Amino acid sequence: MVHGTHNGAKSVVHELVSEDFPRIRIGIGKPIDEYDAVDYVIGKLEEETYQKLEEGIKKGVEGVVEFLMCGIDNAMNKFN
């Protein structure tokens, strides 16, 4: 089974019967307190955090376009 991933990705692995496919991961950081993980992921955002999220979404879109147009290696080199 795929470690460190969410149920949607696990479902893709199950349907493909393989873990051998490119993935794009976009992180959101980690909560200060491990017990606040759910609130950290689905809680209301402060304005400053929301602005950072918008910047991250734009960068994520650029990464997806790079991946589709130029391949995974170029995207990884440019955005990792």
PDB file of N, CA and C in Angstrom:
ATOM      1  N   MET A   1       0.842  -1.189   0.000  1.00  0.00           N
ATOM      2  CA  MET A   1       0.000   0.000   0.000  1.00  0.00           C
ATOM      3  C   MET A   1       0.882   1.244   0.000  1.00  0.00           C
ATOM      4  N   VAL A   2       0.358   2.311  -0.524  1.00  0.00           N
ATOM      5  CA  VAL A   2       1.078   3.568  -0.640  1.00  0.00           C
ATOM      6  C   VAL A   2       1.154   4.238   0.728  1.00  0.00           C
ATOM      7  N   HIS A   3       2.353   4.546   1.165  1.00  0.00           N
ATOM      8  CA  HIS A   3       2.534   5.207   2.450  1.00  0.00           C
ATOM      9  C   HIS A   3       2.564   6.715   2.264  1.00  0.00           C
ATOM     10  N   GLY A   4       2.046   7.432   3.259  1.00  0.00           N
ATOM     11  CA  GLY A   4       2.138   8.885   3.257  1.00  0.00           C
ATOM     12  C   GLY A   4       1.307   9.562   2.195  1.00  0.00           C
ATOM     13  N   THR A   5       0.147   9.005   1.892  1.00  0.00           N
ATOM     14  CA  THR A   5      -0.697   9.618   0.883  1.00  0.00           C
ATOM     15  C   THR A   5      -2.151   9.553   1.319  1.00  0.00           C
ATOM     16  N   HIS A   6      -2.985  10.289   0.650  1.00  0.00           N
ATOM     17  CA  HIS A   6      -4.393  10.344   1.029  1.00  0.00           C
ATOM     18  C   HIS A   6      -5.195   9.262   0.314  1.00  0.00           C
ATOM     19  N   ASN A   7      -6.441   9.112   0.691  1.00  0.00           N
ATOM     20  CA  ASN A   7      -7.268   8.036   0.155  1.00  0.00           C
ATOM     21  C   ASN A   7      -7.516   8.164  -1.341  1.00  0.00           C
ATOM     22  N   GLY A   8      -7.579   9.384  -1.864  1.00  0.00           N
ATOM     23  CA  GLY A   8      -7.765   9.555  -3.306  1.00  0.00           C
ATOM     24  C   GLY A   8      -6.616   8.953  -4.096  1.00  0.00           C
ATOM     25  N   ALA A   9      -5.395   9.202  -3.655  1.00  0.00           N
ATOM     26  CA  ALA A   9      -4.227   8.630  -4.327  1.00  0.00           C
ATOM     27  C   ALA A   9      -4.192   7.115  -4.150  1.00  0.00           C
ATOM     28  N   LYS A  10      -4.573   6.648  -2.981  1.00  0.00           N
ATOM     29  CA  LYS A  10      -4.636   5.194  -2.760  1.00  0.00           C
ATOM     30  C   LYS A  10      -5.626   4.553  -3.714  1.00  0.00           C
ATOM     31  N   SER A  11      -6.736   5.246  -3.977  1.00  0.00           N
ATOM     32  CA  SER A  11      -7.737   4.735  -4.906  1.00  0.00           C
ATOM     33  C   SER A  11      -7.171   4.644  -6.327  1.00  0.00           C
ATOM     34  N   VAL A  12      -6.399   5.648  -6.726  1.00  0.00           N
ATOM     35  CA  VAL A  12      -5.780   5.625  -8.058  1.00  0.00           C
ATOM     36  C   VAL A  12      -4.832   4.439  -8.166  1.00  0.00           C
ATOM     37  N   VAL A  13      -4.010   4.238  -7.150  1.00  0.00           N
ATOM     38  CA  VAL A  13      -3.083   3.099  -7.134  1.00  0.00           C
ATOM     39  C   VAL A  13      -3.859   1.796  -7.240  1.00  0.00           C
ATOM     40  N   HIS A  14      -4.940   1.701  -6.507  1.00  0.00           N
ATOM     41  CA  HIS A  14      -5.762   0.489  -6.534  1.00  0.00           C
ATOM     42  C   HIS A  14      -6.311   0.234  -7.943  1.00  0.00           C
ATOM     43  N   GLU A  15      -6.850   1.267  -8.571  1.00  0.00           N
ATOM     44  CA  GLU A  15      -7.453   1.117  -9.894  1.00  0.00           C
ATOM     45  C   GLU A  15      -6.415   0.808 -10.973  1.00  0.00           C
ATOM     46  N   LEU A  16      -5.234   1.425 -10.853  1.00  0.00           N
ATOM     47  CA  LEU A  16      -4.172   1.184 -11.844  1.00  0.00           C
ATOM     48  C   LEU A  16      -3.402  -0.094 -11.571  1.00  0.00           C
ATOM     49  N   VAL A  17      -3.567  -0.619 -10.372  1.00  0.00           N
ATOM     50  CA  VAL A  17      -2.808  -1.782  -9.897  1.00  0.00           C
ATOM     51  C   VAL A  17      -1.310  -1.504 -10.052  1.00  0.00           C
ATOM     52  N   SER A  18      -0.935  -0.283  -9.730  1.00  0.00           N
ATOM     53  CA  SER A  18       0.460   0.121  -9.854  1.00  0.00           C
ATOM     54  C   SER A  18       0.678   1.428  -9.106  1.00  0.00           C
ATOM     55  N   GLU A  19       1.888   1.586  -8.599  1.00  0.00           N
ATOM     56  CA  GLU A  19       2.302   2.866  -8.020  1.00  0.00           C
ATOM     57  C   GLU A  19       3.205   3.611  -8.987  1.00  0.00           C
ATOM     58  N   ASP A  20       3.367   3.071 -10.183  1.00  0.00           N
ATOM     59  CA  ASP A  20       4.302   3.605 -11.154  1.00  0.00           C
ATOM     60  C   ASP A  20       3.610   4.628 -12.064  1.00  0.00           C
ATOM     61  N   PHE A  21       3.403   5.818 -11.544  1.00  0.00           N
ATOM     62  CA  PHE A  21       2.863   6.912 -12.333  1.00  0.00           C
ATOM     63  C   PHE A  21       3.343   8.215 -11.703  1.00  0.00           C
ATOM     64  N   PRO A  22       3.514   9.256 -12.530  1.00  0.00           N
ATOM     65  CA  PRO A  22       3.990  10.532 -11.973  1.00  0.00           C
ATOM     66  C   PRO A  22       2.920  11.186 -11.111  1.00  0.00           C
ATOM     67  N   ARG A  23       3.365  11.837 -10.045  1.00  0.00           N
ATOM     68  CA  ARG A  23       2.448  12.538  -9.148  1.00  0.00           C
ATOM     69  C   ARG A  23       2.945  13.953  -8.930  1.00  0.00           C
ATOM     70  N   ILE A  24       2.022  14.808  -8.704  1.00  0.00           N
ATOM     71  CA  ILE A  24       2.356  16.183  -8.339  1.00  0.00           C
ATOM     72  C   ILE A  24       1.856  16.376  -6.921  1.00  0.00           C
ATOM     73  N   ARG A  25       2.763  16.700  -6.031  1.00  0.00           N
ATOM     74  CA  ARG A  25       2.397  16.914  -4.643  1.00  0.00           C
ATOM     75  C   ARG A  25       2.595  18.375  -4.295  1.00  0.00           C
ATOM     76  N   ILE A  26       1.583  18.919  -3.673  1.00  0.00           N
ATOM     77  CA  ILE A  26       1.656  20.306  -3.227  1.00  0.00           C
ATOM     78  C   ILE A  26       1.399  20.291  -1.734  1.00  0.00           C
ATOM     79  N   GLY A  27       2.379  20.710  -0.966  1.00  0.00           N
ATOM     80  CA  GLY A  27       2.269  20.659   0.486  1.00  0.00           C
ATOM     81  C   GLY A  27       1.688  21.927   1.078  1.00  0.00           C
ATOM     82  N   ILE A  28       1.233  21.788   2.313  1.00  0.00           N
ATOM     83  CA  ILE A  28       0.689  22.943   3.035  1.00  0.00           C
ATOM     84  C   ILE A  28       1.427  23.159   4.344  1.00  0.00           C
ATOM     85  N   GLY A  29       2.567  22.525   4.510  1.00  0.00           N
ATOM     86  CA  GLY A  29       3.312  22.652   5.752  1.00  0.00           C
ATOM     87  C   GLY A  29       2.768  21.712   6.812  1.00  0.00           C
ATOM     88  N   LYS A  30       3.190  21.936   8.039  1.00  0.00           N
ATOM     89  CA  LYS A  30       2.766  21.079   9.138  1.00  0.00           C
ATOM     90  C   LYS A  30       2.254  21.941  10.285  1.00  0.00           C
ATOM     91  N   PRO A  31       1.258  21.420  10.995  1.00  0.00           N
ATOM     92  CA  PRO A  31       0.773  22.171  12.158  1.00  0.00           C
ATOM     93  C   PRO A  31       1.820  22.181  13.263  1.00  0.00           C
ATOM     94  N   ILE A  32       1.798  23.207  14.080  1.00  0.00           N
ATOM     95  CA  ILE A  32       2.735  23.292  15.197  1.00  0.00           C
ATOM     96  C   ILE A  32       2.474  22.171  16.188  1.00  0.00           C
ATOM     97  N   ASP A  33       1.220  21.908  16.453  1.00  0.00           N
ATOM     98  CA  ASP A  33       0.818  20.869  17.393  1.00  0.00           C
ATOM     99  C   ASP A  33       0.243  19.700  16.599  1.00  0.00           C
ATOM    100  N   GLU A  34       0.828  18.513  16.737  1.00  0.00           N
ATOM    101  CA  GLU A  34       0.382  17.348  15.971  1.00  0.00           C
ATOM    102  C   GLU A  34      -1.099  17.065  16.152  1.00  0.00           C
ATOM    103  N   TYR A  35      -1.655  17.415  17.284  1.00  0.00           N
ATOM    104  CA  TYR A  35      -3.053  17.111  17.566  1.00  0.00           C
ATOM    105  C   TYR A  35      -4.013  18.030  16.825  1.00  0.00           C
ATOM    106  N   ASP A  36      -3.507  19.094  16.209  1.00  0.00           N
ATOM    107  CA  ASP A  36      -4.348  20.035  15.482  1.00  0.00           C
ATOM    108  C   ASP A  36      -4.322  19.790  13.977  1.00  0.00           C
ATOM    109  N   ALA A  37      -3.916  18.611  13.539  1.00  0.00           N
ATOM    110  CA  ALA A  37      -3.740  18.333  12.114  1.00  0.00           C
ATOM    111  C   ALA A  37      -5.030  18.526  11.318  1.00  0.00           C
ATOM    112  N   VAL A  38      -6.150  18.034  11.807  1.00  0.00           N
ATOM    113  CA  VAL A  38      -7.409  18.158  11.078  1.00  0.00           C
ATOM    114  C   VAL A  38      -7.799  19.627  10.949  1.00  0.00           C
ATOM    115  N   ASP A  39      -7.752  20.358  12.051  1.00  0.00           N
ATOM    116  CA  ASP A  39      -8.076  21.783  11.993  1.00  0.00           C
ATOM    117  C   ASP A  39      -7.108  22.528  11.081  1.00  0.00           C
ATOM    118  N   TYR A  40      -5.855  22.119  11.083  1.00  0.00           N
ATOM    119  CA  TYR A  40      -4.840  22.769  10.249  1.00  0.00           C
ATOM    120  C   TYR A  40      -5.186  22.609   8.768  1.00  0.00           C
ATOM    121  N   VAL A  41      -5.656  21.435   8.397  1.00  0.00           N
ATOM    122  CA  VAL A  41      -5.940  21.150   6.986  1.00  0.00           C
ATOM    123  C   VAL A  41      -7.271  21.740   6.542  1.00  0.00           C
ATOM    124  N   ILE A  42      -8.303  21.650   7.379  1.00  0.00           N
ATOM    125  CA  ILE A  42      -9.635  22.075   6.929  1.00  0.00           C
ATOM    126  C   ILE A  42     -10.168  23.306   7.645  1.00  0.00           C
ATOM    127  N   GLY A  43      -9.371  23.888   8.532  1.00  0.00           N
ATOM    128  CA  GLY A  43      -9.827  25.046   9.297  1.00  0.00           C
ATOM    129  C   GLY A  43      -9.850  26.324   8.484  1.00  0.00           C
ATOM    130  N   LYS A  44     -10.447  27.349   9.059  1.00  0.00           N
ATOM    131  CA  LYS A  44     -10.519  28.676   8.426  1.00  0.00           C
ATOM    132  C   LYS A  44      -9.123  29.298   8.389  1.00  0.00           C
ATOM    133  N   LEU A  45      -8.812  29.930   7.270  1.00  0.00           N
ATOM    134  CA  LEU A  45      -7.499  30.533   7.084  1.00  0.00           C
ATOM    135  C   LEU A  45      -7.490  31.999   7.478  1.00  0.00           C
ATOM    136  N   GLU A  46      -6.383  32.433   8.068  1.00  0.00           N
ATOM    137  CA  GLU A  46      -6.178  33.852   8.294  1.00  0.00           C
ATOM    138  C   GLU A  46      -5.825  34.495   6.952  1.00  0.00           C
ATOM    139  N   GLU A  47      -6.045  35.802   6.830  1.00  0.00           N
ATOM    140  CA  GLU A  47      -5.833  36.500   5.562  1.00  0.00           C
ATOM    141  C   GLU A  47      -4.408  36.306   5.026  1.00  0.00           C
ATOM    142  N   GLU A  48      -3.410  36.415   5.881  1.00  0.00           N
ATOM    143  CA  GLU A  48      -2.020  36.249   5.443  1.00  0.00           C
ATOM    144  C   GLU A  48      -1.784  34.841   4.906  1.00  0.00           C
ATOM    145  N   THR A  49      -2.332  33.863   5.584  1.00  0.00           N
ATOM    146  CA  THR A  49      -2.191  32.477   5.146  1.00  0.00           C
ATOM    147  C   THR A  49      -2.912  32.260   3.829  1.00  0.00           C
ATOM    148  N   TYR A  50      -4.078  32.872   3.686  1.00  0.00           N
ATOM    149  CA  TYR A  50      -4.843  32.750   2.445  1.00  0.00           C
ATOM    150  C   TYR A  50      -4.055  33.316   1.265  1.00  0.00           C
ATOM    151  N   GLN A  51      -3.396  34.444   1.471  1.00  0.00           N
ATOM    152  CA  GLN A  51      -2.594  35.039   0.403  1.00  0.00           C
ATOM    153  C   GLN A  51      -1.443  34.111   0.007  1.00  0.00           C
ATOM    154  N   LYS A  52      -0.810  33.484   0.998  1.00  0.00           N
ATOM    155  CA  LYS A  52       0.259  32.523   0.702  1.00  0.00           C
ATOM    156  C   LYS A  52      -0.290  31.332  -0.062  1.00  0.00           C
ATOM    157  N   LEU A  53      -1.494  30.889   0.306  1.00  0.00           N
ATOM    158  CA  LEU A  53      -2.129  29.780  -0.385  1.00  0.00           C
ATOM    159  C   LEU A  53      -2.385  30.128  -1.844  1.00  0.00           C
ATOM    160  N   GLU A  54      -2.857  31.337  -2.102  1.00  0.00           N
ATOM    161  CA  GLU A  54      -3.089  31.766  -3.478  1.00  0.00           C
ATOM    162  C   GLU A  54      -1.791  31.740  -4.285  1.00  0.00           C
ATOM    163  N   GLU A  55      -0.696  32.189  -3.684  1.00  0.00           N
ATOM    164  CA  GLU A  55       0.610  32.153  -4.357  1.00  0.00           C
ATOM    165  C   GLU A  55       1.007  30.706  -4.643  1.00  0.00           C
ATOM    166  N   GLY A  56       0.773  29.825  -3.680  1.00  0.00           N
ATOM    167  CA  GLY A  56       1.095  28.412  -3.860  1.00  0.00           C
ATOM    168  C   GLY A  56       0.270  27.763  -4.958  1.00  0.00           C
ATOM    169  N   ILE A  57      -0.991  28.148  -5.049  1.00  0.00           N
ATOM    170  CA  ILE A  57      -1.850  27.610  -6.115  1.00  0.00           C
ATOM    171  C   ILE A  57      -1.324  28.043  -7.477  1.00  0.00           C
ATOM    172  N   LYS A  58      -0.941  29.310  -7.600  1.00  0.00           N
ATOM    173  CA  LYS A  58      -0.389  29.801  -8.870  1.00  0.00           C
ATOM    174  C   LYS A  58       0.881  29.037  -9.241  1.00  0.00           C
ATOM    175  N   LYS A  59       1.750  28.815  -8.261  1.00  0.00           N
ATOM    176  CA  LYS A  59       2.975  28.064  -8.519  1.00  0.00           C
ATOM    177  C   LYS A  59       2.649  26.615  -8.881  1.00  0.00           C
ATOM    178  N   GLY A  60       1.652  26.047  -8.224  1.00  0.00           N
ATOM    179  CA  GLY A  60       1.231  24.684  -8.540  1.00  0.00           C
ATOM    180  C   GLY A  60       0.721  24.563  -9.969  1.00  0.00           C
ATOM    181  N   VAL A  61      -0.054  25.550 -10.397  1.00  0.00           N
ATOM    182  CA  VAL A  61      -0.557  25.560 -11.772  1.00  0.00           C
ATOM    183  C   VAL A  61       0.609  25.632 -12.753  1.00  0.00           C
ATOM    184  N   GLU A  62       1.576  26.496 -12.464  1.00  0.00           N
ATOM    185  CA  GLU A  62       2.756  26.604 -13.328  1.00  0.00           C
ATOM    186  C   GLU A  62       3.486  25.256 -13.392  1.00  0.00           C
ATOM    187  N   GLY A  63       3.573  24.573 -12.255  1.00  0.00           N
ATOM    188  CA  GLY A  63       4.233  23.269 -12.219  1.00  0.00           C
ATOM    189  C   GLY A  63       3.503  22.231 -13.047  1.00  0.00           C
ATOM    190  N   VAL A  64       2.180  22.228 -12.983  1.00  0.00           N
ATOM    191  CA  VAL A  64       1.382  21.288 -13.776  1.00  0.00           C
ATOM    192  C   VAL A  64       1.565  21.566 -15.267  1.00  0.00           C
ATOM    193  N   VAL A  65       1.531  22.828 -15.638  1.00  0.00           N
ATOM    194  CA  VAL A  65       1.717  23.183 -17.054  1.00  0.00           C
ATOM    195  C   VAL A  65       3.107  22.756 -17.520  1.00  0.00           C
ATOM    196  N   GLU A  66       4.120  23.022 -16.707  1.00  0.00           N
ATOM    197  CA  GLU A  66       5.488  22.613 -17.054  1.00  0.00           C
ATOM    198  C   GLU A  66       5.563  21.098 -17.226  1.00  0.00           C
ATOM    199  N   PHE A  67       4.943  20.370 -16.306  1.00  0.00           N
ATOM    200  CA  PHE A  67       4.923  18.906 -16.373  1.00  0.00           C
ATOM    201  C   PHE A  67       4.274  18.435 -17.665  1.00  0.00           C
ATOM    202  N   LEU A  68       3.126  19.006 -18.012  1.00  0.00           N
ATOM    203  CA  LEU A  68       2.407  18.576 -19.210  1.00  0.00           C
ATOM    204  C   LEU A  68       3.127  18.960 -20.497  1.00  0.00           C
ATOM    205  N   MET A  69       3.759  20.130 -20.501  1.00  0.00           N
ATOM    206  CA  MET A  69       4.400  20.619 -21.720  1.00  0.00           C
ATOM    207  C   MET A  69       5.822  20.095 -21.914  1.00  0.00           C
ATOM    208  N   CYS A  70       6.564  19.935 -20.797  1.00  0.00           N
ATOM    209  CA  CYS A  70       8.000  19.658 -20.909  1.00  0.00           C
ATOM    210  C   CYS A  70       8.444  18.376 -20.201  1.00  0.00           C
ATOM    211  N   GLY A  71       7.528  17.713 -19.529  1.00  0.00           N
ATOM    212  CA  GLY A  71       7.877  16.458 -18.870  1.00  0.00           C
ATOM    213  C   GLY A  71       8.177  16.623 -17.394  1.00  0.00           C
ATOM    214  N   ILE A  72       8.136  15.495 -16.719  1.00  0.00           N
ATOM    215  CA  ILE A  72       8.269  15.505 -15.270  1.00  0.00           C
ATOM    216  C   ILE A  72       9.663  15.928 -14.811  1.00  0.00           C
ATOM    217  N   ASP A  73      10.696  15.512 -15.528  1.00  0.00           N
ATOM    218  CA  ASP A  73      12.061  15.867 -15.108  1.00  0.00           C
ATOM    219  C   ASP A  73      12.260  17.386 -15.120  1.00  0.00           C
ATOM    220  N   ASN A  74      11.818  18.044 -16.194  1.00  0.00           N
ATOM    221  CA  ASN A  74      11.941  19.499 -16.250  1.00  0.00           C
ATOM    222  C   ASN A  74      11.135  20.164 -15.147  1.00  0.00           C
ATOM    223  N   ALA A  75       9.936  19.672 -14.910  1.00  0.00           N
ATOM    224  CA  ALA A  75       9.090  20.262 -13.868  1.00  0.00           C
ATOM    225  C   ALA A  75       9.737  20.088 -12.496  1.00  0.00           C
ATOM    226  N   MET A  76      10.285  18.917 -12.237  1.00  0.00           N
ATOM    227  CA  MET A  76      10.932  18.681 -10.944  1.00  0.00           C
ATOM    228  C   MET A  76      12.148  19.578 -10.773  1.00  0.00           C
ATOM    229  N   ASN A  77      12.932  19.722 -11.813  1.00  0.00           N
ATOM    230  CA  ASN A  77      14.119  20.579 -11.723  1.00  0.00           C
ATOM    231  C   ASN A  77      13.751  22.045 -11.515  1.00  0.00           C
ATOM    232  N   LYS A  78      12.652  22.464 -12.098  1.00  0.00           N
ATOM    233  CA  LYS A  78      12.262  23.864 -12.019  1.00  0.00           C
ATOM    234  C   LYS A  78      11.526  24.190 -10.718  1.00  0.00           C
ATOM    235  N   PHE A  79      10.754  23.266 -10.178  1.00  0.00           N
ATOM    236  CA  PHE A  79       9.873  23.602  -9.060  1.00  0.00           C
ATOM    237  C   PHE A  79      10.218  22.940  -7.740  1.00  0.00           C
ATOM    238  N   ASN A  80      11.130  22.007  -7.709  1.00  0.00           N
ATOM    239  CA  ASN A  80      11.534  21.410  -6.416  1.00  0.00           C
ATOM    240  C   ASN A  80      12.611  22.211  -5.774  1.00  0.00           C
TER     241      ASN A  80
END
